[in-house]
Protein backbone atom coordinates (compact mmCIF):
# COMPACT_ATOMS: atom_id res chain seq x y z
CA UNK A 1 217.19 -46.89 -79.38
CA UNK A 2 218.85 -50.17 -78.45
CA UNK A 3 218.67 -52.94 -81.04
CA UNK A 4 217.50 -56.24 -79.61
CA UNK A 5 216.96 -59.81 -80.66
CA UNK A 6 214.87 -62.55 -79.06
CA UNK A 7 217.44 -63.35 -76.36
CA UNK A 8 218.02 -59.63 -75.75
CA UNK A 9 221.75 -59.29 -76.53
CA UNK A 10 224.56 -61.67 -77.32
CA UNK A 11 228.11 -62.09 -78.53
CA UNK A 12 229.43 -60.62 -81.75
CA UNK A 13 229.11 -64.05 -83.38
CA UNK A 14 225.46 -64.31 -82.34
CA UNK A 15 224.74 -60.82 -83.67
CA UNK A 16 226.38 -61.61 -87.02
CA UNK A 17 224.24 -64.74 -87.26
CA UNK A 18 221.21 -62.64 -86.40
CA UNK A 19 221.84 -60.24 -89.27
CA UNK A 20 222.34 -63.16 -91.66
CA UNK A 21 218.96 -64.62 -90.70
CA UNK A 22 216.18 -63.11 -92.84
CA UNK A 23 213.44 -64.14 -90.42
CA UNK A 24 215.04 -62.58 -87.33
CA UNK A 25 215.88 -59.15 -88.68
CA UNK A 26 213.05 -58.36 -91.10
CA UNK A 27 210.31 -56.88 -88.92
CA UNK A 28 212.54 -54.76 -86.71
CA UNK A 29 214.56 -53.35 -89.60
CA UNK A 30 211.41 -52.48 -91.54
CA UNK A 31 210.04 -50.76 -88.44
CA UNK A 32 213.18 -48.62 -88.26
CA UNK A 33 213.99 -47.96 -91.92
CA UNK A 34 210.72 -48.60 -93.75
CA UNK A 35 210.22 -51.19 -96.47
CA UNK A 36 213.20 -49.93 -98.48
CA UNK A 37 215.19 -53.06 -99.29
CA UNK A 38 218.19 -51.18 -100.71
CA UNK A 39 218.47 -49.09 -97.53
CA UNK A 40 218.05 -52.15 -95.30
CA UNK A 41 220.79 -54.01 -97.18
CA UNK A 42 223.08 -50.99 -96.84
CA UNK A 43 222.44 -50.74 -93.10
CA UNK A 44 222.98 -54.48 -92.57
CA UNK A 45 226.43 -54.13 -94.14
CA UNK A 46 227.21 -51.33 -91.69
CA UNK A 47 225.95 -53.34 -88.70
CA UNK A 48 228.15 -56.28 -89.71
CA UNK A 49 231.13 -54.02 -90.39
CA UNK A 50 230.99 -52.41 -86.95
CA UNK A 51 230.47 -55.76 -85.22
CA UNK A 52 233.59 -57.10 -86.90
CA UNK A 53 235.52 -53.95 -85.96
CA UNK A 54 234.56 -54.44 -82.31
CA UNK A 55 235.67 -58.08 -82.44
CA UNK A 56 238.97 -57.28 -84.21
CA UNK A 57 239.76 -54.46 -81.78
CA UNK A 58 238.76 -55.94 -78.46
CA UNK A 59 238.68 -59.68 -79.17
CA UNK A 60 235.99 -60.22 -76.60
CA UNK A 61 233.42 -62.97 -76.38
CA UNK A 62 231.40 -60.97 -73.89
CA UNK A 63 227.90 -59.92 -74.79
CA UNK A 64 227.63 -56.70 -76.73
CA UNK A 65 224.81 -54.23 -77.12
CA UNK A 66 223.98 -52.36 -80.30
CA UNK A 67 222.67 -48.83 -79.95
CA UNK A 68 221.65 -46.47 -82.73
CA UNK A 69 220.59 -42.85 -82.87
CA UNK A 70 219.34 -41.02 -85.96
CA UNK A 71 220.20 -37.53 -87.09
CA UNK A 72 217.42 -34.99 -86.97
CA UNK A 73 215.99 -31.99 -88.79
CA UNK A 74 214.14 -29.18 -87.06
CA UNK A 75 211.37 -27.86 -89.32
CA UNK A 76 210.25 -25.10 -86.97
CA UNK A 77 211.62 -23.84 -83.67
CA UNK A 78 215.26 -22.99 -84.38
CA UNK A 79 217.50 -22.12 -81.43
CA UNK A 80 214.63 -21.38 -79.05
CA UNK A 81 214.50 -24.51 -76.90
CA UNK A 82 216.77 -22.80 -74.36
CA UNK A 83 214.22 -19.93 -74.32
CA UNK A 84 211.30 -22.21 -73.46
CA UNK A 85 210.03 -22.43 -77.04
CA UNK A 86 208.59 -25.34 -78.99
CA UNK A 87 210.44 -27.40 -81.59
CA UNK A 88 208.93 -29.49 -84.37
CA UNK A 89 211.44 -32.14 -85.34
CA UNK A 90 211.83 -35.27 -87.45
CA UNK A 91 214.42 -38.03 -87.48
CA UNK A 92 216.23 -38.80 -90.74
CA UNK A 93 217.57 -42.05 -92.16
CA UNK A 94 221.17 -41.17 -91.36
CA UNK A 95 222.45 -42.47 -88.04
CA UNK A 96 225.20 -43.26 -85.55
CA UNK A 97 225.69 -46.95 -84.72
CA UNK A 98 227.49 -48.20 -81.62
CA UNK A 99 228.54 -51.69 -80.59
CA UNK A 100 229.65 -51.78 -76.96
CA UNK A 101 230.67 -54.26 -74.29
CA UNK A 102 231.31 -53.88 -70.58
CA UNK A 103 234.75 -53.84 -68.95
CA UNK A 104 235.64 -54.84 -65.40
CA UNK A 105 237.57 -51.61 -64.82
CA UNK A 106 236.46 -48.00 -65.37
CA UNK A 107 238.26 -47.43 -68.66
CA UNK A 108 236.44 -46.25 -71.77
CA UNK A 109 237.95 -47.27 -75.12
CA UNK A 110 236.67 -45.87 -78.43
CA UNK A 111 237.28 -46.79 -82.07
CA UNK A 112 235.50 -45.62 -85.20
CA UNK A 113 235.14 -46.99 -88.72
CA UNK A 114 235.88 -43.45 -89.96
CA UNK A 115 239.64 -42.68 -89.74
CA UNK A 116 238.76 -39.00 -89.21
CA UNK A 117 237.93 -40.02 -85.62
CA UNK A 118 241.12 -41.38 -83.99
CA UNK A 119 241.10 -44.04 -81.29
CA UNK A 120 240.54 -42.56 -77.85
CA UNK A 121 240.44 -43.79 -74.23
CA UNK A 122 240.06 -42.40 -70.72
CA UNK A 123 239.56 -43.48 -67.10
CA UNK A 124 236.28 -42.35 -65.55
CA UNK A 125 237.80 -41.98 -62.07
CA UNK A 126 240.62 -39.78 -63.37
CA UNK A 127 238.09 -37.31 -64.75
CA UNK A 128 237.05 -36.45 -61.19
CA UNK A 129 239.44 -34.92 -58.66
CA UNK A 130 238.45 -37.34 -55.88
CA UNK A 131 234.94 -38.63 -56.38
CA UNK A 132 231.94 -37.82 -58.58
CA UNK A 133 230.84 -34.25 -57.81
CA UNK A 134 227.55 -33.51 -56.08
CA UNK A 135 226.92 -30.58 -58.41
CA UNK A 136 227.41 -31.38 -62.11
CA UNK A 137 226.95 -27.78 -63.16
CA UNK A 138 229.71 -26.46 -60.90
CA UNK A 139 231.96 -29.30 -62.00
CA UNK A 140 231.73 -28.53 -65.73
CA UNK A 141 232.63 -24.89 -65.05
CA UNK A 142 235.61 -25.80 -62.86
CA UNK A 143 239.25 -25.11 -63.68
CA UNK A 144 239.85 -28.88 -63.41
CA UNK A 145 237.56 -29.50 -66.42
CA UNK A 146 238.83 -26.49 -68.37
CA UNK A 147 242.39 -27.75 -67.96
CA UNK A 148 241.42 -31.14 -69.40
CA UNK A 149 240.40 -29.52 -72.69
CA UNK A 150 243.77 -27.89 -73.36
CA UNK A 151 245.19 -28.96 -76.70
CA UNK A 152 242.23 -31.15 -77.66
CA UNK A 153 239.16 -28.93 -77.71
CA UNK A 154 236.63 -30.16 -80.26
CA UNK A 155 237.82 -33.76 -80.09
CA UNK A 156 235.04 -36.32 -80.45
CA UNK A 157 236.00 -37.98 -77.17
CA UNK A 158 234.52 -35.09 -75.16
CA UNK A 159 230.96 -35.79 -76.32
CA UNK A 160 231.23 -39.41 -75.19
CA UNK A 161 233.04 -38.43 -72.02
CA UNK A 162 230.47 -35.76 -71.13
CA UNK A 163 227.45 -38.05 -71.05
CA UNK A 164 229.31 -40.91 -69.34
CA UNK A 165 230.55 -38.59 -66.60
CA UNK A 166 227.04 -37.14 -66.27
CA UNK A 167 225.67 -40.65 -65.74
CA UNK A 168 228.35 -41.48 -63.17
CA UNK A 169 227.45 -38.25 -61.35
CA UNK A 170 223.74 -39.13 -61.49
CA UNK A 171 224.46 -42.59 -60.03
CA UNK A 172 227.20 -41.52 -57.65
CA UNK A 173 226.27 -44.23 -55.11
CA UNK A 174 227.71 -46.93 -57.37
CA UNK A 175 230.74 -47.36 -59.59
CA UNK A 176 229.71 -47.71 -63.21
CA UNK A 177 231.64 -50.08 -65.44
CA UNK A 178 234.03 -49.20 -68.24
CA UNK A 179 233.16 -49.88 -71.85
CA UNK A 180 234.72 -51.00 -75.13
CA UNK A 181 233.06 -49.00 -77.92
CA UNK A 182 233.04 -49.23 -81.71
CA UNK A 183 231.25 -46.48 -83.63
CA UNK A 184 230.08 -46.04 -87.18
CA UNK A 185 227.97 -43.32 -88.75
CA UNK A 186 226.75 -41.79 -91.98
CA UNK A 187 225.44 -38.44 -90.69
CA UNK A 188 227.31 -35.70 -92.58
CA UNK A 189 229.77 -34.04 -90.20
CA UNK A 190 228.98 -30.48 -89.00
CA UNK A 191 226.00 -30.28 -91.35
CA UNK A 192 223.39 -29.14 -88.83
CA UNK A 193 221.90 -32.64 -88.49
CA UNK A 194 223.04 -33.13 -84.87
CA UNK A 195 225.61 -35.84 -85.41
CA UNK A 196 227.27 -34.93 -82.11
CA UNK A 197 223.97 -35.35 -80.24
CA UNK A 198 223.45 -38.71 -81.96
CA UNK A 199 226.88 -39.72 -80.64
CA UNK A 200 225.77 -38.72 -77.14
CA UNK A 201 222.39 -40.46 -77.31
CA UNK A 202 223.80 -43.74 -78.64
CA UNK A 203 226.42 -43.66 -75.87
CA UNK A 204 223.76 -43.20 -73.20
CA UNK A 205 221.67 -46.03 -74.67
CA UNK A 206 224.56 -48.50 -74.59
CA UNK A 207 225.96 -47.38 -71.24
CA UNK A 208 222.63 -47.45 -69.44
CA UNK A 209 222.00 -50.97 -70.81
CA UNK A 210 225.39 -52.34 -69.74
CA UNK A 211 225.04 -50.80 -66.28
CA UNK A 212 221.33 -51.65 -65.97
CA UNK A 213 220.39 -48.05 -65.26
CA UNK A 214 216.70 -47.39 -64.79
CA UNK A 215 216.01 -44.21 -66.79
CA UNK A 216 212.79 -42.83 -68.14
CA UNK A 217 212.79 -41.47 -71.67
CA UNK A 218 212.39 -37.94 -70.29
CA UNK A 219 215.28 -38.30 -67.85
CA UNK A 220 217.47 -39.78 -70.60
CA UNK A 221 216.86 -36.66 -72.70
CA UNK A 222 217.76 -34.38 -69.82
CA UNK A 223 220.96 -36.27 -69.02
CA UNK A 224 222.05 -36.24 -72.67
CA UNK A 225 221.48 -32.48 -72.86
CA UNK A 226 223.35 -31.86 -69.62
CA UNK A 227 226.14 -34.17 -70.80
CA UNK A 228 226.60 -32.00 -73.90
CA UNK A 229 227.11 -28.96 -71.66
CA UNK A 230 230.42 -30.57 -70.74
CA UNK A 231 231.85 -29.40 -74.09
CA UNK A 232 230.85 -25.80 -73.33
CA UNK A 233 227.65 -25.43 -75.36
CA UNK A 234 224.71 -23.66 -73.72
CA UNK A 235 222.21 -25.57 -75.81
CA UNK A 236 218.82 -26.95 -74.87
CA UNK A 237 217.53 -30.52 -75.00
CA UNK A 238 215.78 -30.47 -78.37
CA UNK A 239 218.31 -32.62 -80.26
CA UNK A 240 218.39 -35.62 -77.89
CA UNK A 241 214.62 -35.25 -77.40
CA UNK A 242 214.08 -35.45 -81.17
CA UNK A 243 216.09 -38.67 -81.30
CA UNK A 244 214.47 -40.32 -78.29
CA UNK A 245 210.89 -39.55 -79.28
CA UNK A 246 211.30 -39.99 -83.05
CA UNK A 247 208.85 -42.08 -85.05
CA UNK A 248 209.32 -42.83 -88.73
CA UNK A 249 207.16 -40.67 -91.00
CA UNK A 250 206.05 -38.44 -88.14
CA UNK A 251 206.99 -35.13 -86.57
CA UNK A 252 207.42 -34.63 -82.85
CA UNK A 253 206.34 -31.48 -81.04
CA UNK A 254 208.26 -30.69 -77.85
CA UNK A 255 208.31 -27.76 -75.46
CA UNK A 256 210.92 -26.69 -72.94
CA UNK A 257 211.44 -25.03 -69.57
CA UNK A 258 210.22 -27.42 -68.40
CA UNK A 259 210.79 -30.13 -71.00
CA UNK A 260 207.47 -31.62 -72.12
CA UNK A 261 206.72 -34.12 -74.87
CA UNK A 262 203.55 -32.73 -76.41
CA UNK A 263 202.60 -34.97 -79.31
CA UNK A 264 203.60 -36.98 -82.36
CA UNK A 265 201.77 -36.19 -85.58
CA UNK A 266 201.96 -37.58 -89.11
CA UNK A 267 203.70 -35.68 -91.88
CA UNK A 268 201.50 -35.76 -95.03
CA UNK A 269 202.45 -38.77 -97.17
CA UNK A 270 202.13 -36.82 -100.43
CA UNK A 271 205.00 -34.53 -99.39
CA UNK A 272 208.68 -35.33 -98.96
CA UNK A 273 211.38 -33.55 -96.99
CA UNK A 274 214.55 -33.09 -99.05
CA UNK A 275 217.73 -32.55 -97.04
CA UNK A 276 220.50 -31.00 -99.16
CA UNK A 277 224.11 -30.86 -97.99
CA UNK A 278 225.62 -27.43 -98.73
CA UNK A 279 229.07 -28.70 -97.64
CA UNK A 280 229.37 -25.60 -95.45
CA UNK A 281 230.52 -26.80 -92.05
CA UNK A 282 228.68 -25.71 -88.92
CA UNK A 283 231.19 -26.98 -86.38
CA UNK A 284 230.30 -25.85 -82.84
CA UNK A 285 233.87 -25.59 -81.62
CA UNK A 286 236.24 -22.65 -81.28
CA UNK A 287 234.80 -19.48 -82.82
CA UNK A 288 231.63 -21.28 -83.90
CA UNK A 289 230.97 -22.34 -80.30
CA UNK A 290 231.44 -18.73 -79.20
CA UNK A 291 228.99 -17.57 -81.88
CA UNK A 292 226.39 -20.10 -80.69
CA UNK A 293 226.80 -19.18 -77.02
CA UNK A 294 226.83 -15.48 -77.91
CA UNK A 295 223.37 -15.89 -79.44
CA UNK A 296 222.08 -17.52 -76.26
CA UNK A 297 223.66 -14.75 -74.17
CA UNK A 298 222.06 -12.08 -76.38
CA UNK A 299 218.64 -13.45 -75.51
CA UNK A 300 219.61 -13.12 -71.86
CA UNK A 301 220.71 -9.52 -72.38
CA UNK A 302 217.42 -8.69 -74.10
CA UNK A 303 215.40 -10.18 -71.26
CA UNK A 304 217.44 -8.25 -68.66
CA UNK A 305 216.97 -4.96 -70.51
CA UNK A 306 213.24 -5.53 -70.97
CA UNK A 307 212.92 -6.28 -67.25
CA UNK A 308 214.29 -2.81 -66.52
CA UNK A 309 212.32 -1.02 -69.26
CA UNK A 310 208.97 -2.80 -68.77
CA UNK A 311 208.92 -4.28 -65.26
CA UNK A 312 205.12 -4.55 -65.09
CA UNK A 313 205.02 -6.73 -68.20
CA UNK A 314 208.14 -8.73 -67.56
CA UNK A 315 207.27 -9.82 -64.04
CA UNK A 316 204.51 -11.94 -65.62
CA UNK A 317 206.88 -13.87 -67.84
CA UNK A 318 209.32 -16.65 -66.97
CA UNK A 319 211.13 -16.71 -70.34
CA UNK A 320 211.09 -15.38 -73.90
CA UNK A 321 208.42 -17.89 -74.96
CA UNK A 322 205.84 -16.07 -72.83
CA UNK A 323 206.13 -12.75 -74.70
CA UNK A 324 203.17 -13.32 -77.03
CA UNK A 325 200.20 -11.22 -78.10
CA UNK A 326 197.76 -13.72 -76.59
CA UNK A 327 199.51 -13.71 -73.20
CA UNK A 328 197.97 -11.87 -70.27
CA UNK A 329 196.34 -9.09 -72.22
CA UNK A 330 199.42 -8.15 -74.24
CA UNK A 331 198.79 -6.87 -77.78
CA UNK A 332 200.99 -7.13 -80.86
CA UNK A 333 201.57 -3.38 -80.65
CA UNK A 334 202.79 -3.79 -77.06
CA UNK A 335 205.39 -6.28 -78.26
CA UNK A 336 206.54 -3.97 -81.08
CA UNK A 337 206.81 -1.13 -78.60
CA UNK A 338 208.98 -3.25 -76.30
CA UNK A 339 211.22 -4.34 -79.17
CA UNK A 340 211.60 -0.76 -80.42
CA UNK A 341 212.82 0.23 -76.96
CA UNK A 342 215.72 -2.23 -77.25
CA UNK A 343 218.93 -1.10 -78.95
CA UNK A 344 219.49 -2.48 -82.45
CA UNK A 345 223.09 -3.10 -81.41
CA UNK A 346 225.01 -2.48 -78.23
CA UNK A 347 228.57 -2.83 -76.96
CA UNK A 348 229.50 -4.37 -73.62
CA UNK A 349 230.47 -0.95 -72.31
CA UNK A 350 227.09 0.48 -73.30
CA UNK A 351 225.34 -2.52 -71.83
CA UNK A 352 226.92 -1.98 -68.44
CA UNK A 353 225.93 1.69 -68.56
CA UNK A 354 222.28 0.91 -69.32
CA UNK A 355 221.92 -1.84 -66.72
CA UNK A 356 221.87 -0.95 -62.99
CA UNK A 357 225.25 -1.35 -61.31
CA UNK A 358 223.82 -3.49 -58.50
CA UNK A 359 222.72 -6.04 -61.11
CA UNK A 360 225.95 -6.21 -63.12
CA UNK A 361 226.63 -9.72 -61.88
CA UNK A 362 223.77 -10.92 -64.10
CA UNK A 363 225.60 -9.55 -67.13
CA UNK A 364 228.91 -11.03 -66.06
CA UNK A 365 227.32 -14.50 -65.89
CA UNK A 366 226.14 -14.15 -69.48
CA UNK A 367 229.51 -12.94 -70.72
CA UNK A 368 231.36 -15.84 -69.07
CA UNK A 369 229.80 -18.27 -71.56
CA UNK A 370 231.85 -17.03 -74.55
CA UNK A 371 234.64 -14.75 -75.64
CA UNK A 372 232.96 -11.32 -75.68
CA UNK A 373 231.93 -9.83 -79.01
CA UNK A 374 232.38 -6.13 -79.81
CA UNK A 375 228.69 -5.72 -80.69
CA UNK A 376 225.51 -7.58 -79.72
CA UNK A 377 222.46 -7.28 -82.01
CA UNK A 378 219.87 -7.41 -79.26
CA UNK A 379 216.75 -6.20 -81.06
CA UNK A 380 217.11 -8.51 -84.06
CA UNK A 381 217.76 -11.58 -81.93
CA UNK A 382 214.78 -10.85 -79.68
CA UNK A 383 212.49 -10.15 -82.65
CA UNK A 384 213.45 -13.42 -84.30
CA UNK A 385 213.10 -15.40 -81.06
CA UNK A 386 209.65 -14.06 -80.17
CA UNK A 387 208.35 -14.64 -83.71
CA UNK A 388 209.92 -18.12 -83.94
CA UNK A 389 208.36 -19.11 -80.61
CA UNK A 390 204.94 -18.27 -82.02
CA UNK A 391 205.54 -20.03 -85.35
CA UNK A 392 206.83 -23.13 -83.60
CA UNK A 393 203.83 -23.26 -81.27
CA UNK A 394 201.29 -23.03 -84.08
CA UNK A 395 202.91 -24.80 -87.04
CA UNK A 396 201.65 -28.27 -86.09
CA UNK A 397 198.12 -26.96 -86.71
CA UNK A 398 199.07 -26.07 -90.30
CA UNK A 399 200.55 -29.51 -90.97
CA UNK A 400 197.68 -31.44 -89.41
CA UNK A 401 195.24 -29.36 -91.49
CA UNK A 402 197.39 -30.02 -94.60
CA UNK A 403 197.97 -26.29 -95.14
CA UNK A 404 201.40 -27.08 -96.53
CA UNK A 405 201.83 -24.04 -98.76
CA UNK A 406 201.31 -21.79 -95.76
CA UNK A 407 203.69 -23.92 -93.72
CA UNK A 408 206.30 -23.55 -96.48
CA UNK A 409 205.94 -19.78 -96.32
CA UNK A 410 206.52 -19.89 -92.57
CA UNK A 411 209.63 -22.01 -93.10
CA UNK A 412 211.02 -19.44 -95.53
CA UNK A 413 210.39 -16.62 -93.05
CA UNK A 414 212.00 -18.67 -90.30
CA UNK A 415 215.10 -19.40 -92.39
CA UNK A 416 215.45 -15.79 -93.53
CA UNK A 417 215.24 -14.54 -89.96
CA UNK A 418 218.14 -16.78 -88.95
CA UNK A 419 220.13 -16.37 -92.16
CA UNK A 420 223.65 -14.92 -92.18
CA UNK A 421 224.36 -14.95 -95.93
CA UNK A 422 222.72 -15.26 -99.33
CA UNK A 423 223.78 -15.80 -102.93
CA UNK A 424 223.92 -12.82 -105.29
CA UNK A 425 223.13 -12.87 -109.03
CA UNK A 426 226.67 -14.06 -109.81
CA UNK A 427 226.47 -16.95 -107.37
CA UNK A 428 228.71 -15.34 -104.75
CA UNK A 429 227.96 -15.56 -101.04
CA UNK A 430 227.21 -12.15 -99.54
CA UNK A 431 225.97 -11.07 -96.08
CA UNK A 432 222.23 -11.26 -95.51
CA UNK A 433 221.04 -8.07 -93.87
CA UNK A 434 217.75 -8.07 -91.98
CA UNK A 435 215.94 -4.81 -91.25
CA UNK A 436 215.49 -4.44 -87.49
CA UNK A 437 214.88 -0.68 -87.49
CA UNK A 438 212.11 0.98 -85.51
CA UNK A 439 210.58 2.04 -88.83
CA UNK A 440 210.23 -1.59 -89.85
CA UNK A 441 208.51 -2.43 -86.55
CA UNK A 442 205.94 0.29 -86.96
């Protein structure tokens, strides 16, 4: 969201005065953070700190906008948005803050209160070979873009750059302005709370305000998601959607392919969500990015194989989400039979042998998204995805009916299905092995 005061936006001095005035800030801050005076005082300090950083860095008297985006947790619907599934998400009280002002040129300058994020800058026009491309999706796969990542893959500048370039492509009939940006944040880094998406969403909020871009909430979500594809992730739109539709004390239910906001519903007041930081990093760069994209590709492989093995069933379905026991006369046993027909694991060589030669291009497209793995666990991924799609579709009913113990059991099943390690009796981390055998299915 964009923070506003009575005269919309103003200079750094006016904003500092605003945050010093109890009457001006009270209602809006309580709406965002709740009536937690300690938290509000902490956030005011951060707002004032970042405003001063912007002034010290850029020395401008121009008007500035303040944008914020919270981190998020996903209580049900993990890694299935790109498969058309539902997600059930909540915002948390950790956030990214951005103070930004417009420039007369097309340069983007970035500073951060955290020294772990070095100062960065780039020219929008230099990120395109001649002019903004007509096809964003071809552009982000081009050699020109790949070359720009050499030596700096994983740098925080790419998340900001991706959404700004996506907006310039969307509004290719006009030249968007540059921007002076100062960031601050308290979302733990690489902790699975979508700090990178919060960076993207806050950038879009500020940039669309400074350029007076007319965007619906839905289109903003889509552009943020497509902007993140710039860094090479084949993710869906659930993270920016969670941030754009968030409401304090409530969960948001969203569905995808196509993206639809379904509803906002209250989380029971007598329960609290505790978010614990394991200090295990989940950085989606390098090998971790390959692992993420490999999972998405494995879903694609499973759908291709099922289309060959069960063409009569699969021609009814547009995506994984549709493979459910209440869909078009399909029974639970039918689904188990389909899953049992898939290989537990398969190599690329075996995959090409099983899939018709005339359709190999479909496999090549999937493999281009990541550095190929020696083995793909197709059956387990498909089993988890189908089950998670069903849990995510139905879990809002449990919460609204206050069946929280049952919901907790579903959460445990969901986590175990996506788990890669566990702790043994001595406290050591060991691999977590799920049983995907045909015997387990039957």
